[in-house]
Amino acid sequence: MNMTSTTQPQTIRARLRKDGLISLWGRLRHRQPDAYEAWLQERDMTIITATLMRLSEGQLNRLGLSHKTLALDVEDLALRAQRDAEICREVLALVTDDAPEGHAIAAE
């Protein structure tokens, strides 16, 4: 009779019950935020690429994409969106700045 196959799942469940959600939250909270953000971005890029892979070549062509370069195209789209967001933040900072020199720079 093999006891390890029946006790191992029970051991894992017991450990999860002991550690619980509080322990998981603590581990997540004390991790490096940049590493977590990088992981989220990588995960999202993978999901987006996988979803677009389901489209036919003709459908991708209508979007200006191709199956051959899809991973690079998705990465380029993400970088472009990030640059656009940064530009928007800078423009909004200039427009909402009450200092007169800020408006002079924007006028140039």
PDB file of N, CA and C in Angstrom:
ATOM      1  N   MET A   1       0.833  -1.175   0.000  1.00  0.00           N
ATOM      2  CA  MET A   1       0.000   0.000   0.000  1.00  0.00           C
ATOM      3  C   MET A   1       0.885   1.248   0.000  1.00  0.00           C
ATOM      4  N   ASN A   2       0.637   2.137  -0.935  1.00  0.00           N
ATOM      5  CA  ASN A   2       1.456   3.327  -1.106  1.00  0.00           C
ATOM      6  C   ASN A   2       0.821   4.493  -0.354  1.00  0.00           C
ATOM      7  N   MET A   3       1.409   4.895   0.736  1.00  0.00           N
ATOM      8  CA  MET A   3       0.859   5.955   1.571  1.00  0.00           C
ATOM      9  C   MET A   3       1.223   7.346   1.058  1.00  0.00           C
ATOM     10  N   THR A   4       2.309   7.462   0.279  1.00  0.00           N
ATOM     11  CA  THR A   4       2.740   8.789  -0.160  1.00  0.00           C
ATOM     12  C   THR A   4       1.772   9.403  -1.145  1.00  0.00           C
ATOM     13  N   SER A   5       1.134   8.575  -1.982  1.00  0.00           N
ATOM     14  CA  SER A   5       0.217   9.144  -2.961  1.00  0.00           C
ATOM     15  C   SER A   5      -1.036   9.694  -2.299  1.00  0.00           C
ATOM     16  N   THR A   6      -1.444   9.108  -1.155  1.00  0.00           N
ATOM     17  CA  THR A   6      -2.634   9.617  -0.475  1.00  0.00           C
ATOM     18  C   THR A   6      -2.294  10.692   0.546  1.00  0.00           C
ATOM     19  N   THR A   7      -1.117  10.660   1.118  1.00  0.00           N
ATOM     20  CA  THR A   7      -0.779  11.643   2.139  1.00  0.00           C
ATOM     21  C   THR A   7      -0.243  12.937   1.551  1.00  0.00           C
ATOM     22  N   GLN A   8       0.363  12.871   0.395  1.00  0.00           N
ATOM     23  CA  GLN A   8       0.936  14.089  -0.156  1.00  0.00           C
ATOM     24  C   GLN A   8      -0.125  15.149  -0.464  1.00  0.00           C
ATOM     25  N   PRO A   9      -1.240  14.827  -1.150  1.00  0.00           N
ATOM     26  CA  PRO A   9      -2.261  15.858  -1.347  1.00  0.00           C
ATOM     27  C   PRO A   9      -2.838  16.364  -0.032  1.00  0.00           C
ATOM     28  N   GLN A  10      -2.955  15.466   0.951  1.00  0.00           N
ATOM     29  CA  GLN A  10      -3.459  15.900   2.252  1.00  0.00           C
ATOM     30  C   GLN A  10      -2.470  16.847   2.923  1.00  0.00           C
ATOM     31  N   THR A  11      -1.182  16.580   2.762  1.00  0.00           N
ATOM     32  CA  THR A  11      -0.154  17.449   3.333  1.00  0.00           C
ATOM     33  C   THR A  11      -0.199  18.825   2.679  1.00  0.00           C
ATOM     34  N   ILE A  12      -0.360  18.844   1.377  1.00  0.00           N
ATOM     35  CA  ILE A  12      -0.432  20.125   0.665  1.00  0.00           C
ATOM     36  C   ILE A  12      -1.654  20.910   1.116  1.00  0.00           C
ATOM     37  N   ARG A  13      -2.802  20.228   1.213  1.00  0.00           N
ATOM     38  CA  ARG A  13      -4.022  20.903   1.668  1.00  0.00           C
ATOM     39  C   ARG A  13      -3.862  21.425   3.091  1.00  0.00           C
ATOM     40  N   ALA A  14      -3.236  20.641   3.938  1.00  0.00           N
ATOM     41  CA  ALA A  14      -3.032  21.073   5.329  1.00  0.00           C
ATOM     42  C   ALA A  14      -2.134  22.304   5.381  1.00  0.00           C
ATOM     43  N   ARG A  15      -1.094  22.301   4.574  1.00  0.00           N
ATOM     44  CA  ARG A  15      -0.191  23.460   4.547  1.00  0.00           C
ATOM     45  C   ARG A  15      -0.911  24.703   4.036  1.00  0.00           C
ATOM     46  N   LEU A  16      -1.748  24.519   3.005  1.00  0.00           N
ATOM     47  CA  LEU A  16      -2.490  25.664   2.486  1.00  0.00           C
ATOM     48  C   LEU A  16      -3.470  26.200   3.514  1.00  0.00           C
ATOM     49  N   ARG A  17      -4.113  25.290   4.244  1.00  0.00           N
ATOM     50  CA  ARG A  17      -5.037  25.729   5.293  1.00  0.00           C
ATOM     51  C   ARG A  17      -4.288  26.476   6.387  1.00  0.00           C
ATOM     52  N   LYS A  18      -3.109  25.977   6.742  1.00  0.00           N
ATOM     53  CA  LYS A  18      -2.316  26.598   7.813  1.00  0.00           C
ATOM     54  C   LYS A  18      -1.829  27.981   7.380  1.00  0.00           C
ATOM     55  N   ASP A  19      -1.284  28.051   6.166  1.00  0.00           N
ATOM     56  CA  ASP A  19      -0.760  29.329   5.671  1.00  0.00           C
ATOM     57  C   ASP A  19      -1.908  30.259   5.309  1.00  0.00           C
ATOM     58  N   GLY A  20      -2.823  29.760   4.513  1.00  0.00           N
ATOM     59  CA  GLY A  20      -4.036  30.492   4.186  1.00  0.00           C
ATOM     60  C   GLY A  20      -3.812  31.734   3.345  1.00  0.00           C
ATOM     61  N   LEU A  21      -4.890  32.461   3.219  1.00  0.00           N
ATOM     62  CA  LEU A  21      -4.908  33.669   2.391  1.00  0.00           C
ATOM     63  C   LEU A  21      -4.046  34.771   2.984  1.00  0.00           C
ATOM     64  N   ILE A  22      -3.995  34.848   4.291  1.00  0.00           N
ATOM     65  CA  ILE A  22      -3.183  35.884   4.943  1.00  0.00           C
ATOM     66  C   ILE A  22      -1.715  35.717   4.578  1.00  0.00           C
ATOM     67  N   SER A  23      -1.239  34.499   4.592  1.00  0.00           N
ATOM     68  CA  SER A  23       0.154  34.246   4.251  1.00  0.00           C
ATOM     69  C   SER A  23       0.416  34.585   2.787  1.00  0.00           C
ATOM     70  N   LEU A  24      -0.521  34.201   1.925  1.00  0.00           N
ATOM     71  CA  LEU A  24      -0.373  34.526   0.506  1.00  0.00           C
ATOM     72  C   LEU A  24      -0.322  36.034   0.322  1.00  0.00           C
ATOM     73  N   TRP A  25      -1.211  36.756   0.979  1.00  0.00           N
ATOM     74  CA  TRP A  25      -1.234  38.213   0.866  1.00  0.00           C
ATOM     75  C   TRP A  25       0.092  38.812   1.355  1.00  0.00           C
ATOM     76  N   GLY A  26       0.632  38.283   2.434  1.00  0.00           N
ATOM     77  CA  GLY A  26       1.904  38.792   2.951  1.00  0.00           C
ATOM     78  C   GLY A  26       3.044  38.559   1.982  1.00  0.00           C
ATOM     79  N   ARG A  27       3.069  37.364   1.372  1.00  0.00           N
ATOM     80  CA  ARG A  27       4.129  37.077   0.407  1.00  0.00           C
ATOM     81  C   ARG A  27       4.017  37.986  -0.803  1.00  0.00           C
ATOM     82  N   LEU A  28       2.803  38.221  -1.267  1.00  0.00           N
ATOM     83  CA  LEU A  28       2.623  39.097  -2.422  1.00  0.00           C
ATOM     84  C   LEU A  28       2.945  40.549  -2.088  1.00  0.00           C
ATOM     85  N   ARG A  29       2.565  40.956  -0.898  1.00  0.00           N
ATOM     86  CA  ARG A  29       2.745  42.349  -0.501  1.00  0.00           C
ATOM     87  C   ARG A  29       4.210  42.726  -0.347  1.00  0.00           C
ATOM     88  N   HIS A  30       5.025  41.783   0.111  1.00  0.00           N
ATOM     89  CA  HIS A  30       6.421  42.092   0.378  1.00  0.00           C
ATOM     90  C   HIS A  30       7.341  41.775  -0.796  1.00  0.00           C
ATOM     91  N   ARG A  31       6.784  41.356  -1.887  1.00  0.00           N
ATOM     92  CA  ARG A  31       7.611  41.140  -3.080  1.00  0.00           C
ATOM     93  C   ARG A  31       7.955  42.482  -3.700  1.00  0.00           C
ATOM     94  N   GLN A  32       8.905  42.439  -4.619  1.00  0.00           N
ATOM     95  CA  GLN A  32       9.289  43.666  -5.300  1.00  0.00           C
ATOM     96  C   GLN A  32       8.179  44.056  -6.276  1.00  0.00           C
ATOM     97  N   PRO A  33       7.648  45.263  -6.164  1.00  0.00           N
ATOM     98  CA  PRO A  33       6.549  45.677  -7.039  1.00  0.00           C
ATOM     99  C   PRO A  33       6.946  45.689  -8.512  1.00  0.00           C
ATOM    100  N   ASP A  34       8.187  46.041  -8.804  1.00  0.00           N
ATOM    101  CA  ASP A  34       8.620  46.084 -10.204  1.00  0.00           C
ATOM    102  C   ASP A  34       8.634  44.692 -10.818  1.00  0.00           C
ATOM    103  N   ALA A  35       9.033  43.706 -10.055  1.00  0.00           N
ATOM    104  CA  ALA A  35       9.050  42.335 -10.561  1.00  0.00           C
ATOM    105  C   ALA A  35       7.628  41.854 -10.835  1.00  0.00           C
ATOM    106  N   TYR A  36       6.704  42.199  -9.950  1.00  0.00           N
ATOM    107  CA  TYR A  36       5.311  41.812 -10.144  1.00  0.00           C
ATOM    108  C   TYR A  36       4.720  42.502 -11.368  1.00  0.00           C
ATOM    109  N   GLU A  37       5.008  43.786 -11.532  1.00  0.00           N
ATOM    110  CA  GLU A  37       4.514  44.521 -12.701  1.00  0.00           C
ATOM    111  C   GLU A  37       5.087  43.948 -13.993  1.00  0.00           C
ATOM    112  N   ALA A  38       6.354  43.577 -13.970  1.00  0.00           N
ATOM    113  CA  ALA A  38       6.971  42.972 -15.152  1.00  0.00           C
ATOM    114  C   ALA A  38       6.306  41.634 -15.476  1.00  0.00           C
ATOM    115  N   TRP A  39       6.015  40.857 -14.440  1.00  0.00           N
ATOM    116  CA  TRP A  39       5.338  39.580 -14.647  1.00  0.00           C
ATOM    117  C   TRP A  39       3.941  39.791 -15.205  1.00  0.00           C
ATOM    118  N   LEU A  40       3.211  40.783 -14.678  1.00  0.00           N
ATOM    119  CA  LEU A  40       1.876  41.082 -15.189  1.00  0.00           C
ATOM    120  C   LEU A  40       1.915  41.497 -16.652  1.00  0.00           C
ATOM    121  N   GLN A  41       2.884  42.332 -16.997  1.00  0.00           N
ATOM    122  CA  GLN A  41       2.994  42.787 -18.378  1.00  0.00           C
ATOM    123  C   GLN A  41       3.323  41.628 -19.313  1.00  0.00           C
ATOM    124  N   GLU A  42       4.233  40.769 -18.899  1.00  0.00           N
ATOM    125  CA  GLU A  42       4.593  39.608 -19.715  1.00  0.00           C
ATOM    126  C   GLU A  42       3.392  38.676 -19.888  1.00  0.00           C
ATOM    127  N   ARG A  43       2.665  38.458 -18.807  1.00  0.00           N
ATOM    128  CA  ARG A  43       1.475  37.606 -18.862  1.00  0.00           C
ATOM    129  C   ARG A  43       0.426  38.200 -19.803  1.00  0.00           C
ATOM    130  N   ASP A  44       0.213  39.512 -19.705  1.00  0.00           N
ATOM    131  CA  ASP A  44      -0.776  40.157 -20.557  1.00  0.00           C
ATOM    132  C   ASP A  44      -0.368  40.103 -22.026  1.00  0.00           C
ATOM    133  N   MET A  45       0.909  40.310 -22.310  1.00  0.00           N
ATOM    134  CA  MET A  45       1.369  40.244 -23.700  1.00  0.00           C
ATOM    135  C   MET A  45       1.182  38.833 -24.272  1.00  0.00           C
ATOM    136  N   THR A  46       1.417  37.825 -23.445  1.00  0.00           N
ATOM    137  CA  THR A  46       1.229  36.441 -23.879  1.00  0.00           C
ATOM    138  C   THR A  46      -0.239  36.167 -24.169  1.00  0.00           C
ATOM    139  N   ILE A  47      -1.122  36.642 -23.295  1.00  0.00           N
ATOM    140  CA  ILE A  47      -2.555  36.423 -23.486  1.00  0.00           C
ATOM    141  C   ILE A  47      -3.049  37.154 -24.729  1.00  0.00           C
ATOM    142  N   ILE A  48      -2.601  38.381 -24.927  1.00  0.00           N
ATOM    143  CA  ILE A  48      -3.019  39.153 -26.106  1.00  0.00           C
ATOM    144  C   ILE A  48      -2.530  38.481 -27.378  1.00  0.00           C
ATOM    145  N   THR A  49      -1.275  38.053 -27.380  1.00  0.00           N
ATOM    146  CA  THR A  49      -0.724  37.379 -28.561  1.00  0.00           C
ATOM    147  C   THR A  49      -1.480  36.088 -28.842  1.00  0.00           C
ATOM    148  N   ALA A  50      -1.768  35.308 -27.815  1.00  0.00           N
ATOM    149  CA  ALA A  50      -2.501  34.047 -28.003  1.00  0.00           C
ATOM    150  C   ALA A  50      -3.901  34.301 -28.541  1.00  0.00           C
ATOM    151  N   THR A  51      -4.535  35.345 -28.070  1.00  0.00           N
ATOM    152  CA  THR A  51      -5.873  35.675 -28.552  1.00  0.00           C
ATOM    153  C   THR A  51      -5.838  36.098 -30.016  1.00  0.00           C
ATOM    154  N   LEU A  52      -4.857  36.906 -30.367  1.00  0.00           N
ATOM    155  CA  LEU A  52      -4.744  37.337 -31.766  1.00  0.00           C
ATOM    156  C   LEU A  52      -4.346  36.189 -32.692  1.00  0.00           C
ATOM    157  N   MET A  53      -3.647  35.197 -32.153  1.00  0.00           N
ATOM    158  CA  MET A  53      -3.264  34.046 -32.968  1.00  0.00           C
ATOM    159  C   MET A  53      -4.480  33.269 -33.456  1.00  0.00           C
ATOM    160  N   ARG A  54      -5.599  33.402 -32.773  1.00  0.00           N
ATOM    161  CA  ARG A  54      -6.824  32.709 -33.173  1.00  0.00           C
ATOM    162  C   ARG A  54      -7.434  33.300 -34.435  1.00  0.00           C
ATOM    163  N   LEU A  55      -7.073  34.540 -34.757  1.00  0.00           N
ATOM    164  CA  LEU A  55      -7.612  35.183 -35.954  1.00  0.00           C
ATOM    165  C   LEU A  55      -6.951  34.619 -37.207  1.00  0.00           C
ATOM    166  N   SER A  56      -7.660  34.707 -38.314  1.00  0.00           N
ATOM    167  CA  SER A  56      -7.082  34.260 -39.579  1.00  0.00           C
ATOM    168  C   SER A  56      -6.085  35.306 -40.075  1.00  0.00           C
ATOM    169  N   GLU A  57      -5.296  34.918 -41.049  1.00  0.00           N
ATOM    170  CA  GLU A  57      -4.303  35.847 -41.602  1.00  0.00           C
ATOM    171  C   GLU A  57      -4.989  37.065 -42.216  1.00  0.00           C
ATOM    172  N   GLY A  58      -6.120  36.854 -42.870  1.00  0.00           N
ATOM    173  CA  GLY A  58      -6.864  37.967 -43.469  1.00  0.00           C
ATOM    174  C   GLY A  58      -7.364  38.950 -42.419  1.00  0.00           C
ATOM    175  N   GLN A  59      -7.870  38.418 -41.313  1.00  0.00           N
ATOM    176  CA  GLN A  59      -8.337  39.290 -40.233  1.00  0.00           C
ATOM    177  C   GLN A  59      -7.184  40.076 -39.633  1.00  0.00           C
ATOM    178  N   LEU A  60      -6.046  39.415 -39.459  1.00  0.00           N
ATOM    179  CA  LEU A  60      -4.874  40.121 -38.928  1.00  0.00           C
ATOM    180  C   LEU A  60      -4.386  41.184 -39.902  1.00  0.00           C
ATOM    181  N   ASN A  61      -4.438  40.875 -41.195  1.00  0.00           N
ATOM    182  CA  ASN A  61      -4.006  41.854 -42.198  1.00  0.00           C
ATOM    183  C   ASN A  61      -4.861  43.110 -42.155  1.00  0.00           C
ATOM    184  N   ARG A  62      -6.143  42.958 -41.874  1.00  0.00           N
ATOM    185  CA  ARG A  62      -7.020  44.128 -41.757  1.00  0.00           C
ATOM    186  C   ARG A  62      -6.606  45.035 -40.607  1.00  0.00           C
ATOM    187  N   LEU A  63      -5.969  44.453 -39.618  1.00  0.00           N
ATOM    188  CA  LEU A  63      -5.462  45.229 -38.480  1.00  0.00           C
ATOM    189  C   LEU A  63      -4.030  45.706 -38.683  1.00  0.00           C
ATOM    190  N   GLY A  64      -3.432  45.313 -39.807  1.00  0.00           N
ATOM    191  CA  GLY A  64      -2.043  45.668 -40.065  1.00  0.00           C
ATOM    192  C   GLY A  64      -1.065  44.741 -39.379  1.00  0.00           C
ATOM    193  N   LEU A  65      -1.494  43.530 -39.057  1.00  0.00           N
ATOM    194  CA  LEU A  65      -0.662  42.559 -38.363  1.00  0.00           C
ATOM    195  C   LEU A  65      -0.499  41.315 -39.220  1.00  0.00           C
ATOM    196  N   SER A  66       0.396  40.432 -38.808  1.00  0.00           N
ATOM    197  CA  SER A  66       0.633  39.178 -39.506  1.00  0.00           C
ATOM    198  C   SER A  66       1.011  38.110 -38.491  1.00  0.00           C
ATOM    199  N   HIS A  67       0.656  36.852 -38.803  1.00  0.00           N
ATOM    200  CA  HIS A  67       1.037  35.758 -37.904  1.00  0.00           C
ATOM    201  C   HIS A  67       2.565  35.646 -37.777  1.00  0.00           C
ATOM    202  N   LYS A  68       3.285  35.986 -38.835  1.00  0.00           N
ATOM    203  CA  LYS A  68       4.740  35.835 -38.836  1.00  0.00           C
ATOM    204  C   LYS A  68       5.418  36.743 -37.811  1.00  0.00           C
ATOM    205  N   THR A  69       4.882  37.921 -37.632  1.00  0.00           N
ATOM    206  CA  THR A  69       5.521  38.907 -36.749  1.00  0.00           C
ATOM    207  C   THR A  69       4.603  39.323 -35.593  1.00  0.00           C
ATOM    208  N   LEU A  70       3.662  38.488 -35.246  1.00  0.00           N
ATOM    209  CA  LEU A  70       2.636  38.882 -34.274  1.00  0.00           C
ATOM    210  C   LEU A  70       3.210  39.239 -32.911  1.00  0.00           C
ATOM    211  N   ALA A  71       4.127  38.460 -32.394  1.00  0.00           N
ATOM    212  CA  ALA A  71       4.705  38.755 -31.067  1.00  0.00           C
ATOM    213  C   ALA A  71       5.411  40.107 -31.081  1.00  0.00           C
ATOM    214  N   LEU A  72       6.151  40.392 -32.133  1.00  0.00           N
ATOM    215  CA  LEU A  72       6.829  41.691 -32.242  1.00  0.00           C
ATOM    216  C   LEU A  72       5.828  42.823 -32.414  1.00  0.00           C
ATOM    217  N   ASP A  73       4.765  42.572 -33.183  1.00  0.00           N
ATOM    218  CA  ASP A  73       3.745  43.598 -33.391  1.00  0.00           C
ATOM    219  C   ASP A  73       3.032  43.947 -32.093  1.00  0.00           C
ATOM    220  N   VAL A  74       2.715  42.949 -31.281  1.00  0.00           N
ATOM    221  CA  VAL A  74       2.041  43.190 -29.999  1.00  0.00           C
ATOM    222  C   VAL A  74       2.975  43.966 -29.070  1.00  0.00           C
ATOM    223  N   GLU A  75       4.235  43.611 -29.054  1.00  0.00           N
ATOM    224  CA  GLU A  75       5.198  44.337 -28.224  1.00  0.00           C
ATOM    225  C   GLU A  75       5.313  45.785 -28.685  1.00  0.00           C
ATOM    226  N   ASP A  76       5.328  46.002 -30.003  1.00  0.00           N
ATOM    227  CA  ASP A  76       5.390  47.353 -30.551  1.00  0.00           C
ATOM    228  C   ASP A  76       4.148  48.158 -30.184  1.00  0.00           C
ATOM    229  N   LEU A  77       2.981  47.522 -30.250  1.00  0.00           N
ATOM    230  CA  LEU A  77       1.744  48.205 -29.862  1.00  0.00           C
ATOM    231  C   LEU A  77       1.778  48.613 -28.392  1.00  0.00           C
ATOM    232  N   ALA A  78       2.290  47.746 -27.550  1.00  0.00           N
ATOM    233  CA  ALA A  78       2.378  48.056 -26.117  1.00  0.00           C
ATOM    234  C   ALA A  78       3.342  49.218 -25.870  1.00  0.00           C
ATOM    235  N   LEU A  79       4.481  49.216 -26.551  1.00  0.00           N
ATOM    236  CA  LEU A  79       5.440  50.317 -26.394  1.00  0.00           C
ATOM    237  C   LEU A  79       4.856  51.636 -26.890  1.00  0.00           C
ATOM    238  N   ARG A  80       4.134  51.559 -28.011  1.00  0.00           N
ATOM    239  CA  ARG A  80       3.501  52.758 -28.549  1.00  0.00           C
ATOM    240  C   ARG A  80       2.463  53.309 -27.579  1.00  0.00           C
ATOM    241  N   ALA A  81       1.663  52.430 -26.991  1.00  0.00           N
ATOM    242  CA  ALA A  81       0.651  52.859 -26.027  1.00  0.00           C
ATOM    243  C   ALA A  81       1.310  53.480 -24.798  1.00  0.00           C
ATOM    244  N   GLN A  82       2.419  52.915 -24.357  1.00  0.00           N
ATOM    245  CA  GLN A  82       3.141  53.458 -23.208  1.00  0.00           C
ATOM    246  C   GLN A  82       3.693  54.850 -23.526  1.00  0.00           C
ATOM    247  N   ARG A  83       4.275  55.014 -24.718  1.00  0.00           N
ATOM    248  CA  ARG A  83       4.786  56.337 -25.114  1.00  0.00           C
ATOM    249  C   ARG A  83       3.665  57.356 -25.207  1.00  0.00           C
ATOM    250  N   ASP A  84       2.536  56.960 -25.787  1.00  0.00           N
ATOM    251  CA  ASP A  84       1.394  57.876 -25.894  1.00  0.00           C
ATOM    252  C   ASP A  84       0.897  58.300 -24.517  1.00  0.00           C
ATOM    253  N   ALA A  85       0.860  57.362 -23.573  1.00  0.00           N
ATOM    254  CA  ALA A  85       0.422  57.683 -22.211  1.00  0.00           C
ATOM    255  C   ALA A  85       1.386  58.663 -21.554  1.00  0.00           C
ATOM    256  N   GLU A  86       2.683  58.475 -21.766  1.00  0.00           N
ATOM    257  CA  GLU A  86       3.674  59.398 -21.202  1.00  0.00           C
ATOM    258  C   GLU A  86       3.526  60.792 -21.795  1.00  0.00           C
ATOM    259  N   ILE A  87       3.317  60.868 -23.095  1.00  0.00           N
ATOM    260  CA  ILE A  87       3.129  62.169 -23.755  1.00  0.00           C
ATOM    261  C   ILE A  87       1.884  62.854 -23.222  1.00  0.00           C
ATOM    262  N   CYS A  88       0.799  62.086 -23.050  1.00  0.00           N
ATOM    263  CA  CYS A  88      -0.442  62.661 -22.506  1.00  0.00           C
ATOM    264  C   CYS A  88      -0.226  63.209 -21.104  1.00  0.00           C
ATOM    265  N   ARG A  89       0.510  62.470 -20.268  1.00  0.00           N
ATOM    266  CA  ARG A  89       0.791  62.951 -18.912  1.00  0.00           C
ATOM    267  C   ARG A  89       1.591  64.243 -18.944  1.00  0.00           C
ATOM    268  N   GLU A  90       2.596  64.319 -19.837  1.00  0.00           N
ATOM    269  CA  GLU A  90       3.408  65.521 -19.931  1.00  0.00           C
ATOM    270  C   GLU A  90       2.588  66.704 -20.426  1.00  0.00           C
ATOM    271  N   VAL A  91       1.738  66.494 -21.415  1.00  0.00           N
ATOM    272  CA  VAL A  91       0.902  67.572 -21.934  1.00  0.00           C
ATOM    273  C   VAL A  91      -0.066  68.053 -20.865  1.00  0.00           C
ATOM    274  N   LEU A  92      -0.683  67.117 -20.149  1.00  0.00           N
ATOM    275  CA  LEU A  92      -1.598  67.510 -19.074  1.00  0.00           C
ATOM    276  C   LEU A  92      -0.873  68.257 -17.971  1.00  0.00           C
ATOM    277  N   ALA A  93       0.358  67.878 -17.678  1.00  0.00           N
ATOM    278  CA  ALA A  93       1.141  68.589 -16.662  1.00  0.00           C
ATOM    279  C   ALA A  93       1.427  70.014 -17.116  1.00  0.00           C
ATOM    280  N   LEU A  94       1.723  70.197 -18.397  1.00  0.00           N
ATOM    281  CA  LEU A  94       1.972  71.540 -18.911  1.00  0.00           C
ATOM    282  C   LEU A  94       0.713  72.392 -18.887  1.00  0.00           C
ATOM    283  N   VAL A  95      -0.393  71.817 -19.260  1.00  0.00           N
ATOM    284  CA  VAL A  95      -1.642  72.570 -19.334  1.00  0.00           C
ATOM    285  C   VAL A  95      -2.148  72.933 -17.947  1.00  0.00           C
ATOM    286  N   THR A  96      -2.008  72.047 -16.985  1.00  0.00           N
ATOM    287  CA  THR A  96      -2.516  72.322 -15.644  1.00  0.00           C
ATOM    288  C   THR A  96      -1.526  73.088 -14.783  1.00  0.00           C
ATOM    289  N   ASP A  97      -0.306  73.327 -15.268  1.00  0.00           N
ATOM    290  CA  ASP A  97       0.702  74.065 -14.506  1.00  0.00           C
ATOM    291  C   ASP A  97       0.306  75.535 -14.458  1.00  0.00           C
ATOM    292  N   ASP A  98       0.295  76.112 -13.261  1.00  0.00           N
ATOM    293  CA  ASP A  98      -0.088  77.512 -13.091  1.00  0.00           C
ATOM    294  C   ASP A  98       1.076  78.476 -13.262  1.00  0.00           C
ATOM    295  N   ALA A  99       2.299  77.961 -13.345  1.00  0.00           N
ATOM    296  CA  ALA A  99       3.476  78.828 -13.486  1.00  0.00           C
ATOM    297  C   ALA A  99       3.501  79.430 -14.889  1.00  0.00           C
ATOM    298  N   PRO A 100       3.777  80.716 -15.017  1.00  0.00           N
ATOM    299  CA  PRO A 100       3.780  81.361 -16.332  1.00  0.00           C
ATOM    300  C   PRO A 100       4.860  80.819 -17.269  1.00  0.00           C
ATOM    301  N   GLU A 101       6.021  80.410 -16.728  1.00  0.00           N
ATOM    302  CA  GLU A 101       7.071  79.897 -17.591  1.00  0.00           C
ATOM    303  C   GLU A 101       6.650  78.580 -18.241  1.00  0.00           C
ATOM    304  N   GLY A 102       5.798  77.835 -17.588  1.00  0.00           N
ATOM    305  CA  GLY A 102       5.264  76.595 -18.179  1.00  0.00           C
ATOM    306  C   GLY A 102       4.461  76.874 -19.427  1.00  0.00           C
ATOM    307  N   HIS A 103       3.680  77.955 -19.403  1.00  0.00           N
ATOM    308  CA  HIS A 103       2.882  78.310 -20.576  1.00  0.00           C
ATOM    309  C   HIS A 103       3.750  78.853 -21.683  1.00  0.00           C
ATOM    310  N   ALA A 104       4.820  79.544 -21.324  1.00  0.00           N
ATOM    311  CA  ALA A 104       5.726  80.068 -22.351  1.00  0.00           C
ATOM    312  C   ALA A 104       6.415  78.925 -23.083  1.00  0.00           C
ATOM    313  N   ILE A 105       6.798  77.908 -22.372  1.00  0.00           N
ATOM    314  CA  ILE A 105       7.445  76.756 -23.001  1.00  0.00           C
ATOM    315  C   ILE A 105       6.448  76.027 -23.897  1.00  0.00           C
ATOM    316  N   ALA A 106       5.205  75.902 -23.436  1.00  0.00           N
ATOM    317  CA  ALA A 106       4.183  75.220 -24.232  1.00  0.00           C
ATOM    318  C   ALA A 106       3.865  76.011 -25.490  1.00  0.00           C
ATOM    319  N   ALA A 107       3.948  77.340 -25.422  1.00  0.00           N
ATOM    320  CA  ALA A 107       3.619  78.181 -26.579  1.00  0.00           C
ATOM    321  C   ALA A 107       4.694  78.080 -27.643  1.00  0.00           C
ATOM    322  N   GLU A 108       5.942  77.797 -27.232  1.00  0.00           N
ATOM    323  CA  GLU A 108       7.012  77.715 -28.213  1.00  0.00           C
ATOM    324  C   GLU A 108       6.812  76.479 -29.013  1.00  0.00           C
TER     325      GLU A 108
END
